[in-house]
Amino acid sequence: TWRGDLPEGYLFLTTDIKEALSYGKYIIPCELHRYDHIFFTTNSDNPSKAFDMDYGIDLEMPKKYHNLWQQFEESGKSSLIIKGNNKKWTIITNIHNIIPRTDLAKEFYSNY
């Protein structure tokens, strides 16, 4: 098997509300302190899965290995963005780069 651990101290964010809901009942919108990113594009409806496979979290080895995590670390950028199909993005950034927007979450859930 091919397996890896999640990068310690990093969070995975998504632009896909359905994907976010698959991880829990509540969604908290956030902003980033720093907006210097390294971008990669994948021909996938699930950019999180594409990253997982490339990183080694998934048991299935990708057909083409890109080493996205190492390229991100070497770039010195604050966030890694994997763009997928249908404007679905996965954003991976250090927890200290995230500003939770609980005000927006409260507004959303009060109208829900």
PDB file of N, CA and C in Angstrom:
ATOM      1  N   THR A   1       0.846  -1.191   0.000  1.00  0.00           N
ATOM      2  CA  THR A   1       0.000   0.000   0.000  1.00  0.00           C
ATOM      3  C   THR A   1       0.880   1.239   0.000  1.00  0.00           C
ATOM      4  N   TRP A   2       0.307   2.301  -0.461  1.00  0.00           N
ATOM      5  CA  TRP A   2       1.000   3.599  -0.510  1.00  0.00           C
ATOM      6  C   TRP A   2       0.190   4.550   0.337  1.00  0.00           C
ATOM      7  N   ARG A   3       0.738   5.047   1.427  1.00  0.00           N
ATOM      8  CA  ARG A   3      -0.044   5.840   2.363  1.00  0.00           C
ATOM      9  C   ARG A   3       0.830   6.934   2.960  1.00  0.00           C
ATOM     10  N   GLY A   4       0.248   8.105   3.201  1.00  0.00           N
ATOM     11  CA  GLY A   4       0.963   9.210   3.818  1.00  0.00           C
ATOM     12  C   GLY A   4       0.131   9.829   4.922  1.00  0.00           C
ATOM     13  N   ASP A   5       0.726  10.684   5.688  1.00  0.00           N
ATOM     14  CA  ASP A   5       0.017  11.403   6.740  1.00  0.00           C
ATOM     15  C   ASP A   5      -0.257  12.812   6.257  1.00  0.00           C
ATOM     16  N   LEU A   6      -1.314  13.406   6.784  1.00  0.00           N
ATOM     17  CA  LEU A   6      -1.629  14.788   6.436  1.00  0.00           C
ATOM     18  C   LEU A   6      -0.532  15.709   6.962  1.00  0.00           C
ATOM     19  N   PRO A   7      -0.255  16.783   6.240  1.00  0.00           N
ATOM     20  CA  PRO A   7       0.759  17.733   6.721  1.00  0.00           C
ATOM     21  C   PRO A   7       0.317  18.355   8.052  1.00  0.00           C
ATOM     22  N   GLU A   8       1.137  18.228   9.069  1.00  0.00           N
ATOM     23  CA  GLU A   8       0.794  18.731  10.403  1.00  0.00           C
ATOM     24  C   GLU A   8       0.717  20.248  10.400  1.00  0.00           C
ATOM     25  N   GLY A   9      -0.326  20.795  11.041  1.00  0.00           N
ATOM     26  CA  GLY A   9      -0.481  22.237  11.165  1.00  0.00           C
ATOM     27  C   GLY A   9      -1.134  22.903   9.965  1.00  0.00           C
ATOM     28  N   TYR A  10      -1.622  22.118   9.027  1.00  0.00           N
ATOM     29  CA  TYR A  10      -2.258  22.658   7.823  1.00  0.00           C
ATOM     30  C   TYR A  10      -3.721  22.265   7.782  1.00  0.00           C
ATOM     31  N   LEU A  11      -4.527  23.136   7.207  1.00  0.00           N
ATOM     32  CA  LEU A  11      -5.950  22.860   7.013  1.00  0.00           C
ATOM     33  C   LEU A  11      -6.248  22.800   5.529  1.00  0.00           C
ATOM     34  N   PHE A  12      -7.234  22.009   5.210  1.00  0.00           N
ATOM     35  CA  PHE A  12      -7.713  21.875   3.843  1.00  0.00           C
ATOM     36  C   PHE A  12      -9.034  22.619   3.748  1.00  0.00           C
ATOM     37  N   LEU A  13      -9.100  23.580   2.868  1.00  0.00           N
ATOM     38  CA  LEU A  13     -10.302  24.366   2.643  1.00  0.00           C
ATOM     39  C   LEU A  13     -10.827  24.035   1.256  1.00  0.00           C
ATOM     40  N   THR A  14     -12.098  24.315   1.022  1.00  0.00           N
ATOM     41  CA  THR A  14     -12.686  24.028  -0.278  1.00  0.00           C
ATOM     42  C   THR A  14     -13.631  25.142  -0.697  1.00  0.00           C
ATOM     43  N   THR A  15     -13.791  25.292  -1.989  1.00  0.00           N
ATOM     44  CA  THR A  15     -14.780  26.231  -2.527  1.00  0.00           C
ATOM     45  C   THR A  15     -16.092  25.518  -2.826  1.00  0.00           C
ATOM     46  N   ASP A  16     -16.148  24.222  -2.568  1.00  0.00           N
ATOM     47  CA  ASP A  16     -17.325  23.409  -2.856  1.00  0.00           C
ATOM     48  C   ASP A  16     -18.102  23.142  -1.569  1.00  0.00           C
ATOM     49  N   ILE A  17     -19.260  23.754  -1.427  1.00  0.00           N
ATOM     50  CA  ILE A  17     -20.039  23.632  -0.197  1.00  0.00           C
ATOM     51  C   ILE A  17     -20.462  22.190   0.065  1.00  0.00           C
ATOM     52  N   LYS A  18     -20.751  21.420  -0.972  1.00  0.00           N
ATOM     53  CA  LYS A  18     -21.137  20.017  -0.767  1.00  0.00           C
ATOM     54  C   LYS A  18     -19.976  19.210  -0.187  1.00  0.00           C
ATOM     55  N   GLU A  19     -18.778  19.485  -0.667  1.00  0.00           N
ATOM     56  CA  GLU A  19     -17.620  18.787  -0.107  1.00  0.00           C
ATOM     57  C   GLU A  19     -17.413  19.183   1.346  1.00  0.00           C
ATOM     58  N   ALA A  20     -17.545  20.474   1.648  1.00  0.00           N
ATOM     59  CA  ALA A  20     -17.381  20.933   3.027  1.00  0.00           C
ATOM     60  C   ALA A  20     -18.393  20.260   3.951  1.00  0.00           C
ATOM     61  N   LEU A  21     -19.622  20.146   3.503  1.00  0.00           N
ATOM     62  CA  LEU A  21     -20.663  19.511   4.319  1.00  0.00           C
ATOM     63  C   LEU A  21     -20.406  18.022   4.536  1.00  0.00           C
ATOM     64  N   SER A  22     -19.634  17.398   3.672  1.00  0.00           N
ATOM     65  CA  SER A  22     -19.340  15.976   3.844  1.00  0.00           C
ATOM     66  C   SER A  22     -18.416  15.735   5.046  1.00  0.00           C
ATOM     67  N   TYR A  23     -17.783  16.805   5.554  1.00  0.00           N
ATOM     68  CA  TYR A  23     -16.891  16.676   6.704  1.00  0.00           C
ATOM     69  C   TYR A  23     -17.559  17.053   8.016  1.00  0.00           C
ATOM     70  N   GLY A  24     -18.749  17.610   7.962  1.00  0.00           N
ATOM     71  CA  GLY A  24     -19.430  17.980   9.201  1.00  0.00           C
ATOM     72  C   GLY A  24     -20.683  18.771   8.914  1.00  0.00           C
ATOM     73  N   LYS A  25     -21.436  19.004   9.962  1.00  0.00           N
ATOM     74  CA  LYS A  25     -22.742  19.656   9.837  1.00  0.00           C
ATOM     75  C   LYS A  25     -22.629  21.159   9.585  1.00  0.00           C
ATOM     76  N   TYR A  26     -21.575  21.773  10.095  1.00  0.00           N
ATOM     77  CA  TYR A  26     -21.456  23.219  10.010  1.00  0.00           C
ATOM     78  C   TYR A  26     -20.261  23.637   9.154  1.00  0.00           C
ATOM     79  N   ILE A  27     -20.437  24.749   8.468  1.00  0.00           N
ATOM     80  CA  ILE A  27     -19.378  25.313   7.629  1.00  0.00           C
ATOM     81  C   ILE A  27     -19.025  26.684   8.172  1.00  0.00           C
ATOM     82  N   ILE A  28     -17.751  26.962   8.279  1.00  0.00           N
ATOM     83  CA  ILE A  28     -17.306  28.287   8.703  1.00  0.00           C
ATOM     84  C   ILE A  28     -16.491  28.897   7.567  1.00  0.00           C
ATOM     85  N   PRO A  29     -17.005  29.963   6.972  1.00  0.00           N
ATOM     86  CA  PRO A  29     -16.229  30.651   5.927  1.00  0.00           C
ATOM     87  C   PRO A  29     -14.960  31.235   6.538  1.00  0.00           C
ATOM     88  N   CYS A  30     -13.935  31.382   5.740  1.00  0.00           N
ATOM     89  CA  CYS A  30     -12.695  31.982   6.230  1.00  0.00           C
ATOM     90  C   CYS A  30     -12.039  32.834   5.172  1.00  0.00           C
ATOM     91  N   GLU A  31     -11.126  33.644   5.642  1.00  0.00           N
ATOM     92  CA  GLU A  31     -10.260  34.448   4.788  1.00  0.00           C
ATOM     93  C   GLU A  31      -8.830  34.028   5.089  1.00  0.00           C
ATOM     94  N   LEU A  32      -7.931  34.456   4.257  1.00  0.00           N
ATOM     95  CA  LEU A  32      -6.522  34.172   4.467  1.00  0.00           C
ATOM     96  C   LEU A  32      -5.782  35.456   4.820  1.00  0.00           C
ATOM     97  N   HIS A  33      -4.811  35.353   5.723  1.00  0.00           N
ATOM     98  CA  HIS A  33      -3.966  36.514   6.040  1.00  0.00           C
ATOM     99  C   HIS A  33      -3.122  36.896   4.831  1.00  0.00           C
ATOM    100  N   ARG A  34      -2.484  35.901   4.234  1.00  0.00           N
ATOM    101  CA  ARG A  34      -1.597  36.131   3.095  1.00  0.00           C
ATOM    102  C   ARG A  34      -2.196  35.465   1.868  1.00  0.00           C
ATOM    103  N   TYR A  35      -2.063  36.138   0.748  1.00  0.00           N
ATOM    104  CA  TYR A  35      -2.649  35.641  -0.498  1.00  0.00           C
ATOM    105  C   TYR A  35      -1.596  35.330  -1.556  1.00  0.00           C
ATOM    106  N   ASP A  36      -0.439  34.854  -1.133  1.00  0.00           N
ATOM    107  CA  ASP A  36       0.552  34.436  -2.121  1.00  0.00           C
ATOM    108  C   ASP A  36       0.463  32.918  -2.256  1.00  0.00           C
ATOM    109  N   HIS A  37       0.000  32.474  -3.409  1.00  0.00           N
ATOM    110  CA  HIS A  37      -0.303  31.071  -3.627  1.00  0.00           C
ATOM    111  C   HIS A  37       0.543  30.477  -4.738  1.00  0.00           C
ATOM    112  N   ILE A  38       0.649  29.169  -4.699  1.00  0.00           N
ATOM    113  CA  ILE A  38       1.133  28.407  -5.838  1.00  0.00           C
ATOM    114  C   ILE A  38      -0.075  27.612  -6.328  1.00  0.00           C
ATOM    115  N   PHE A  39      -0.331  27.645  -7.626  1.00  0.00           N
ATOM    116  CA  PHE A  39      -1.506  27.028  -8.216  1.00  0.00           C
ATOM    117  C   PHE A  39      -1.121  25.822  -9.064  1.00  0.00           C
ATOM    118  N   PHE A  40      -1.964  24.811  -9.010  1.00  0.00           N
ATOM    119  CA  PHE A  40      -1.881  23.678  -9.922  1.00  0.00           C
ATOM    120  C   PHE A  40      -3.297  23.399 -10.402  1.00  0.00           C
ATOM    121  N   THR A  41      -3.414  22.965 -11.627  1.00  0.00           N
ATOM    122  CA  THR A  41      -4.716  22.647 -12.200  1.00  0.00           C
ATOM    123  C   THR A  41      -4.787  21.156 -12.458  1.00  0.00           C
ATOM    124  N   THR A  42      -5.929  20.571 -12.111  1.00  0.00           N
ATOM    125  CA  THR A  42      -6.143  19.158 -12.346  1.00  0.00           C
ATOM    126  C   THR A  42      -7.452  18.973 -13.111  1.00  0.00           C
ATOM    127  N   ASN A  43      -7.500  18.015 -13.944  1.00  0.00           N
ATOM    128  CA  ASN A  43      -8.715  17.701 -14.684  1.00  0.00           C
ATOM    129  C   ASN A  43      -9.543  16.728 -13.848  1.00  0.00           C
ATOM    130  N   SER A  44     -10.093  17.235 -12.747  1.00  0.00           N
ATOM    131  CA  SER A  44     -10.813  16.398 -11.799  1.00  0.00           C
ATOM    132  C   SER A  44     -11.984  17.183 -11.222  1.00  0.00           C
ATOM    133  N   ASP A  45     -13.061  16.481 -10.934  1.00  0.00           N
ATOM    134  CA  ASP A  45     -14.180  17.097 -10.236  1.00  0.00           C
ATOM    135  C   ASP A  45     -13.936  17.126  -8.731  1.00  0.00           C
ATOM    136  N   ASN A  46     -12.861  16.500  -8.292  1.00  0.00           N
ATOM    137  CA  ASN A  46     -12.534  16.444  -6.875  1.00  0.00           C
ATOM    138  C   ASN A  46     -11.047  16.747  -6.678  1.00  0.00           C
ATOM    139  N   PRO A  47     -10.688  18.045  -6.608  1.00  0.00           N
ATOM    140  CA  PRO A  47      -9.264  18.383  -6.461  1.00  0.00           C
ATOM    141  C   PRO A  47      -8.659  17.891  -5.146  1.00  0.00           C
ATOM    142  N   SER A  48      -9.476  17.707  -4.100  1.00  0.00           N
ATOM    143  CA  SER A  48      -8.954  17.161  -2.839  1.00  0.00           C
ATOM    144  C   SER A  48      -8.460  15.740  -3.040  1.00  0.00           C
ATOM    145  N   LYS A  49      -9.235  14.961  -3.759  1.00  0.00           N
ATOM    146  CA  LYS A  49      -8.844  13.563  -4.045  1.00  0.00           C
ATOM    147  C   LYS A  49      -7.585  13.540  -4.912  1.00  0.00           C
ATOM    148  N   ALA A  50      -7.495  14.452  -5.875  1.00  0.00           N
ATOM    149  CA  ALA A  50      -6.299  14.519  -6.718  1.00  0.00           C
ATOM    150  C   ALA A  50      -5.066  14.805  -5.850  1.00  0.00           C
ATOM    151  N   PHE A  51      -5.189  15.723  -4.876  1.00  0.00           N
ATOM    152  CA  PHE A  51      -4.067  15.996  -3.978  1.00  0.00           C
ATOM    153  C   PHE A  51      -3.764  14.771  -3.125  1.00  0.00           C
ATOM    154  N   ASP A  52      -4.811  14.158  -2.550  1.00  0.00           N
ATOM    155  CA  ASP A  52      -4.613  12.987  -1.691  1.00  0.00           C
ATOM    156  C   ASP A  52      -3.826  11.899  -2.412  1.00  0.00           C
ATOM    157  N   MET A  53      -4.191  11.637  -3.648  1.00  0.00           N
ATOM    158  CA  MET A  53      -3.499  10.607  -4.416  1.00  0.00           C
ATOM    159  C   MET A  53      -2.039  11.003  -4.645  1.00  0.00           C
ATOM    160  N   ASP A  54      -1.808  12.270  -5.004  1.00  0.00           N
ATOM    161  CA  ASP A  54      -0.450  12.728  -5.279  1.00  0.00           C
ATOM    162  C   ASP A  54       0.400  12.728  -4.012  1.00  0.00           C
ATOM    163  N   TYR A  55      -0.209  13.057  -2.882  1.00  0.00           N
ATOM    164  CA  TYR A  55       0.521  13.145  -1.611  1.00  0.00           C
ATOM    165  C   TYR A  55       0.785  11.765  -1.017  1.00  0.00           C
ATOM    166  N   GLY A  56      -0.108  10.821  -1.315  1.00  0.00           N
ATOM    167  CA  GLY A  56       0.061   9.468  -0.785  1.00  0.00           C
ATOM    168  C   GLY A  56      -0.926   9.111   0.291  1.00  0.00           C
ATOM    169  N   ILE A  57      -1.967   9.924   0.477  1.00  0.00           N
ATOM    170  CA  ILE A  57      -2.990   9.626   1.477  1.00  0.00           C
ATOM    171  C   ILE A  57      -3.907   8.526   0.964  1.00  0.00           C
ATOM    172  N   ASP A  58      -4.140   8.518  -0.309  1.00  0.00           N
ATOM    173  CA  ASP A  58      -4.993   7.527  -0.942  1.00  0.00           C
ATOM    174  C   ASP A  58      -4.187   6.250  -1.180  1.00  0.00           C
ATOM    175  N   LEU A  59      -4.835   5.120  -1.164  1.00  0.00           N
ATOM    176  CA  LEU A  59      -4.137   3.857  -1.384  1.00  0.00           C
ATOM    177  C   LEU A  59      -3.814   3.618  -2.852  1.00  0.00           C
ATOM    178  N   GLU A  60      -4.403   4.404  -3.724  1.00  0.00           N
ATOM    179  CA  GLU A  60      -4.209   4.228  -5.159  1.00  0.00           C
ATOM    180  C   GLU A  60      -3.132   5.186  -5.660  1.00  0.00           C
ATOM    181  N   MET A  61      -2.090   4.670  -6.244  1.00  0.00           N
ATOM    182  CA  MET A  61      -1.010   5.498  -6.785  1.00  0.00           C
ATOM    183  C   MET A  61      -1.495   6.186  -8.061  1.00  0.00           C
ATOM    184  N   PRO A  62      -1.269   7.484  -8.201  1.00  0.00           N
ATOM    185  CA  PRO A  62      -1.715   8.159  -9.428  1.00  0.00           C
ATOM    186  C   PRO A  62      -0.910   7.697 -10.640  1.00  0.00           C
ATOM    187  N   LYS A  63      -1.535   7.832 -11.801  1.00  0.00           N
ATOM    188  CA  LYS A  63      -0.841   7.458 -13.040  1.00  0.00           C
ATOM    189  C   LYS A  63       0.352   8.365 -13.277  1.00  0.00           C
ATOM    190  N   LYS A  64       0.190   9.633 -12.937  1.00  0.00           N
ATOM    191  CA  LYS A  64       1.279  10.593 -13.091  1.00  0.00           C
ATOM    192  C   LYS A  64       1.476  11.302 -11.754  1.00  0.00           C
ATOM    193  N   TYR A  65       2.664  11.194 -11.186  1.00  0.00           N
ATOM    194  CA  TYR A  65       2.989  11.777  -9.888  1.00  0.00           C
ATOM    195  C   TYR A  65       3.591  13.155 -10.108  1.00  0.00           C
ATOM    196  N   HIS A  66       3.049  14.178  -9.425  1.00  0.00           N
ATOM    197  CA  HIS A  66       3.495  15.555  -9.628  1.00  0.00           C
ATOM    198  C   HIS A  66       4.273  16.125  -8.443  1.00  0.00           C
ATOM    199  N   ASN A  67       4.174  15.476  -7.280  1.00  0.00           N
ATOM    200  CA  ASN A  67       4.855  15.937  -6.072  1.00  0.00           C
ATOM    201  C   ASN A  67       4.439  17.364  -5.717  1.00  0.00           C
ATOM    202  N   LEU A  68       3.138  17.590  -5.660  1.00  0.00           N
ATOM    203  CA  LEU A  68       2.586  18.924  -5.397  1.00  0.00           C
ATOM    204  C   LEU A  68       3.045  19.482  -4.062  1.00  0.00           C
ATOM    205  N   TRP A  69       3.065  18.653  -3.027  1.00  0.00           N
ATOM    206  CA  TRP A  69       3.431  19.133  -1.696  1.00  0.00           C
ATOM    207  C   TRP A  69       4.873  19.632  -1.669  1.00  0.00           C
ATOM    208  N   GLN A  70       5.785  18.880  -2.252  1.00  0.00           N
ATOM    209  CA  GLN A  70       7.185  19.315  -2.266  1.00  0.00           C
ATOM    210  C   GLN A  70       7.342  20.609  -3.062  1.00  0.00           C
ATOM    211  N   GLN A  71       6.657  20.719  -4.186  1.00  0.00           N
ATOM    212  CA  GLN A  71       6.732  21.954  -4.973  1.00  0.00           C
ATOM    213  C   GLN A  71       6.197  23.136  -4.167  1.00  0.00           C
ATOM    214  N   PHE A  72       5.131  22.912  -3.397  1.00  0.00           N
ATOM    215  CA  PHE A  72       4.578  23.959  -2.539  1.00  0.00           C
ATOM    216  C   PHE A  72       5.595  24.366  -1.480  1.00  0.00           C
ATOM    217  N   GLU A  73       6.170  23.402  -0.789  1.00  0.00           N
ATOM    218  CA  GLU A  73       7.140  23.721   0.266  1.00  0.00           C
ATOM    219  C   GLU A  73       8.344  24.482  -0.294  1.00  0.00           C
ATOM    220  N   GLU A  74       8.809  24.089  -1.449  1.00  0.00           N
ATOM    221  CA  GLU A  74       9.961  24.747  -2.050  1.00  0.00           C
ATOM    222  C   GLU A  74       9.638  26.138  -2.582  1.00  0.00           C
ATOM    223  N   SER A  75       8.362  26.423  -2.832  1.00  0.00           N
ATOM    224  CA  SER A  75       7.973  27.714  -3.399  1.00  0.00           C
ATOM    225  C   SER A  75       8.037  28.853  -2.386  1.00  0.00           C
ATOM    226  N   GLY A  76       7.900  28.542  -1.099  1.00  0.00           N
ATOM    227  CA  GLY A  76       7.869  29.586  -0.077  1.00  0.00           C
ATOM    228  C   GLY A  76       6.547  30.337  -0.025  1.00  0.00           C
ATOM    229  N   LYS A  77       5.558  29.870  -0.774  1.00  0.00           N
ATOM    230  CA  LYS A  77       4.244  30.510  -0.797  1.00  0.00           C
ATOM    231  C   LYS A  77       3.454  30.118   0.447  1.00  0.00           C
ATOM    232  N   SER A  78       2.409  30.888   0.755  1.00  0.00           N
ATOM    233  CA  SER A  78       1.627  30.619   1.965  1.00  0.00           C
ATOM    234  C   SER A  78       0.506  29.612   1.752  1.00  0.00           C
ATOM    235  N   SER A  79       0.085  29.409   0.517  1.00  0.00           N
ATOM    236  CA  SER A  79      -1.019  28.491   0.255  1.00  0.00           C
ATOM    237  C   SER A  79      -0.777  27.697  -1.020  1.00  0.00           C
ATOM    238  N   LEU A  80      -1.266  26.471  -0.993  1.00  0.00           N
ATOM    239  CA  LEU A  80      -1.258  25.600  -2.159  1.00  0.00           C
ATOM    240  C   LEU A  80      -2.698  25.491  -2.641  1.00  0.00           C
ATOM    241  N   ILE A  81      -2.935  25.825  -3.902  1.00  0.00           N
ATOM    242  CA  ILE A  81      -4.284  25.753  -4.455  1.00  0.00           C
ATOM    243  C   ILE A  81      -4.284  24.754  -5.602  1.00  0.00           C
ATOM    244  N   ILE A  82      -5.191  23.791  -5.505  1.00  0.00           N
ATOM    245  CA  ILE A  82      -5.381  22.829  -6.576  1.00  0.00           C
ATOM    246  C   ILE A  82      -6.739  23.126  -7.191  1.00  0.00           C
ATOM    247  N   LYS A  83      -6.708  23.565  -8.446  1.00  0.00           N
ATOM    248  CA  LYS A  83      -7.934  23.931  -9.150  1.00  0.00           C
ATOM    249  C   LYS A  83      -8.444  22.716  -9.911  1.00  0.00           C
ATOM    250  N   GLY A  84      -9.731  22.436  -9.722  1.00  0.00           N
ATOM    251  CA  GLY A  84     -10.364  21.338 -10.439  1.00  0.00           C
ATOM    252  C   GLY A  84     -11.408  21.863 -11.401  1.00  0.00           C
ATOM    253  N   ASN A  85     -12.209  20.946 -11.901  1.00  0.00           N
ATOM    254  CA  ASN A  85     -13.295  21.310 -12.809  1.00  0.00           C
ATOM    255  C   ASN A  85     -14.411  22.036 -12.063  1.00  0.00           C
ATOM    256  N   ASN A  86     -15.240  22.761 -12.792  1.00  0.00           N
ATOM    257  CA  ASN A  86     -16.432  23.418 -12.245  1.00  0.00           C
ATOM    258  C   ASN A  86     -16.130  24.383 -11.105  1.00  0.00           C
ATOM    259  N   LYS A  87     -15.005  25.077 -11.196  1.00  0.00           N
ATOM    260  CA  LYS A  87     -14.598  26.086 -10.200  1.00  0.00           C
ATOM    261  C   LYS A  87     -14.430  25.503  -8.798  1.00  0.00           C
ATOM    262  N   LYS A  88     -14.152  24.215  -8.698  1.00  0.00           N
ATOM    263  CA  LYS A  88     -13.894  23.586  -7.404  1.00  0.00           C
ATOM    264  C   LYS A  88     -12.400  23.683  -7.120  1.00  0.00           C
ATOM    265  N   TRP A  89     -12.080  24.251  -5.986  1.00  0.00           N
ATOM    266  CA  TRP A  89     -10.694  24.398  -5.570  1.00  0.00           C
ATOM    267  C   TRP A  89     -10.501  23.750  -4.219  1.00  0.00           C
ATOM    268  N   THR A  90      -9.310  23.228  -3.986  1.00  0.00           N
ATOM    269  CA  THR A  90      -8.864  22.829  -2.665  1.00  0.00           C
ATOM    270  C   THR A  90      -7.720  23.767  -2.310  1.00  0.00           C
ATOM    271  N   ILE A  91      -7.813  24.382  -1.146  1.00  0.00           N
ATOM    272  CA  ILE A  91      -6.785  25.304  -0.668  1.00  0.00           C
ATOM    273  C   ILE A  91      -6.164  24.679   0.573  1.00  0.00           C
ATOM    274  N   ILE A  92      -4.863  24.570   0.595  1.00  0.00           N
ATOM    275  CA  ILE A  92      -4.142  24.007   1.735  1.00  0.00           C
ATOM    276  C   ILE A  92      -3.230  25.103   2.257  1.00  0.00           C
ATOM    277  N   THR A  93      -3.402  25.420   3.534  1.00  0.00           N
ATOM    278  CA  THR A  93      -2.614  26.503   4.118  1.00  0.00           C
ATOM    279  C   THR A  93      -2.413  26.242   5.601  1.00  0.00           C
ATOM    280  N   ASN A  94      -1.406  26.871   6.163  1.00  0.00           N
ATOM    281  CA  ASN A  94      -1.115  26.746   7.584  1.00  0.00           C
ATOM    282  C   ASN A  94      -2.259  27.333   8.398  1.00  0.00           C
ATOM    283  N   ILE A  95      -2.549  26.715   9.539  1.00  0.00           N
ATOM    284  CA  ILE A  95      -3.668  27.186  10.363  1.00  0.00           C
ATOM    285  C   ILE A  95      -3.506  28.650  10.786  1.00  0.00           C
ATOM    286  N   HIS A  96      -2.271  29.135  10.874  1.00  0.00           N
ATOM    287  CA  HIS A  96      -2.039  30.526  11.279  1.00  0.00           C
ATOM    288  C   HIS A  96      -2.346  31.513  10.150  1.00  0.00           C
ATOM    289  N   ASN A  97      -2.582  31.010   8.953  1.00  0.00           N
ATOM    290  CA  ASN A  97      -2.908  31.867   7.821  1.00  0.00           C
ATOM    291  C   ASN A  97      -4.423  32.022   7.637  1.00  0.00           C
ATOM    292  N   ILE A  98      -5.192  31.417   8.518  1.00  0.00           N
ATOM    293  CA  ILE A  98      -6.651  31.401   8.364  1.00  0.00           C
ATOM    294  C   ILE A  98      -7.320  32.354   9.353  1.00  0.00           C
ATOM    295  N   ILE A  99      -8.259  33.134   8.827  1.00  0.00           N
ATOM    296  CA  ILE A  99      -9.095  34.013   9.646  1.00  0.00           C
ATOM    297  C   ILE A  99     -10.524  33.471   9.569  1.00  0.00           C
ATOM    298  N   PRO A 100     -10.992  32.807  10.640  1.00  0.00           N
ATOM    299  CA  PRO A 100     -12.373  32.305  10.606  1.00  0.00           C
ATOM    300  C   PRO A 100     -13.356  33.468  10.563  1.00  0.00           C
ATOM    301  N   ARG A 101     -14.346  33.386   9.712  1.00  0.00           N
ATOM    302  CA  ARG A 101     -15.369  34.430   9.597  1.00  0.00           C
ATOM    303  C   ARG A 101     -16.666  33.939  10.238  1.00  0.00           C
ATOM    304  N   THR A 102     -16.636  33.872  11.579  1.00  0.00           N
ATOM    305  CA  THR A 102     -17.814  33.399  12.305  1.00  0.00           C
ATOM    306  C   THR A 102     -18.993  34.348  12.120  1.00  0.00           C
ATOM    307  N   ASP A 103     -18.712  35.625  11.834  1.00  0.00           N
ATOM    308  CA  ASP A 103     -19.803  36.562  11.575  1.00  0.00           C
ATOM    309  C   ASP A 103     -20.612  36.123  10.351  1.00  0.00           C
ATOM    310  N   LEU A 104     -19.932  35.685   9.300  1.00  0.00           N
ATOM    311  CA  LEU A 104     -20.624  35.210   8.101  1.00  0.00           C
ATOM    312  C   LEU A 104     -21.344  33.891   8.366  1.00  0.00           C
ATOM    313  N   ALA A 105     -20.737  33.030   9.177  1.00  0.00           N
ATOM    314  CA  ALA A 105     -21.370  31.764   9.522  1.00  0.00           C
ATOM    315  C   ALA A 105     -22.654  32.011  10.310  1.00  0.00           C
ATOM    316  N   LYS A 106     -22.604  32.917  11.278  1.00  0.00           N
ATOM    317  CA  LYS A 106     -23.806  33.233  12.062  1.00  0.00           C
ATOM    318  C   LYS A 106     -24.906  33.779  11.171  1.00  0.00           C
ATOM    319  N   GLU A 107     -24.549  34.651  10.267  1.00  0.00           N
ATOM    320  CA  GLU A 107     -25.542  35.225   9.338  1.00  0.00           C
ATOM    321  C   GLU A 107     -26.160  34.126   8.469  1.00  0.00           C
ATOM    322  N   PHE A 108     -25.321  33.237   7.949  1.00  0.00           N
ATOM    323  CA  PHE A 108     -25.806  32.149   7.100  1.00  0.00           C
ATOM    324  C   PHE A 108     -26.749  31.236   7.878  1.00  0.00           C
ATOM    325  N   TYR A 109     -26.343  30.802   9.067  1.00  0.00           N
ATOM    326  CA  TYR A 109     -27.153  29.839   9.832  1.00  0.00           C
ATOM    327  C   TYR A 109     -28.386  30.466  10.460  1.00  0.00           C
ATOM    328  N   SER A 110     -28.398  31.779  10.657  1.00  0.00           N
ATOM    329  CA  SER A 110     -29.623  32.428  11.164  1.00  0.00           C
ATOM    330  C   SER A 110     -30.696  32.479  10.086  1.00  0.00           C
ATOM    331  N   ASN A 111     -30.287  32.434   8.814  1.00  0.00           N
ATOM    332  CA  ASN A 111     -31.227  32.418   7.692  1.00  0.00           C
ATOM    333  C   ASN A 111     -31.491  31.008   7.180  1.00  0.00           C
ATOM    334  N   TYR A 112     -30.864  30.006   7.778  1.00  0.00           N
ATOM    335  CA  TYR A 112     -30.913  28.622   7.291  1.00  0.00           C
ATOM    336  C   TYR A 112     -32.125  27.910   7.789  1.00  0.00           C
TER     337      TYR A 112
END
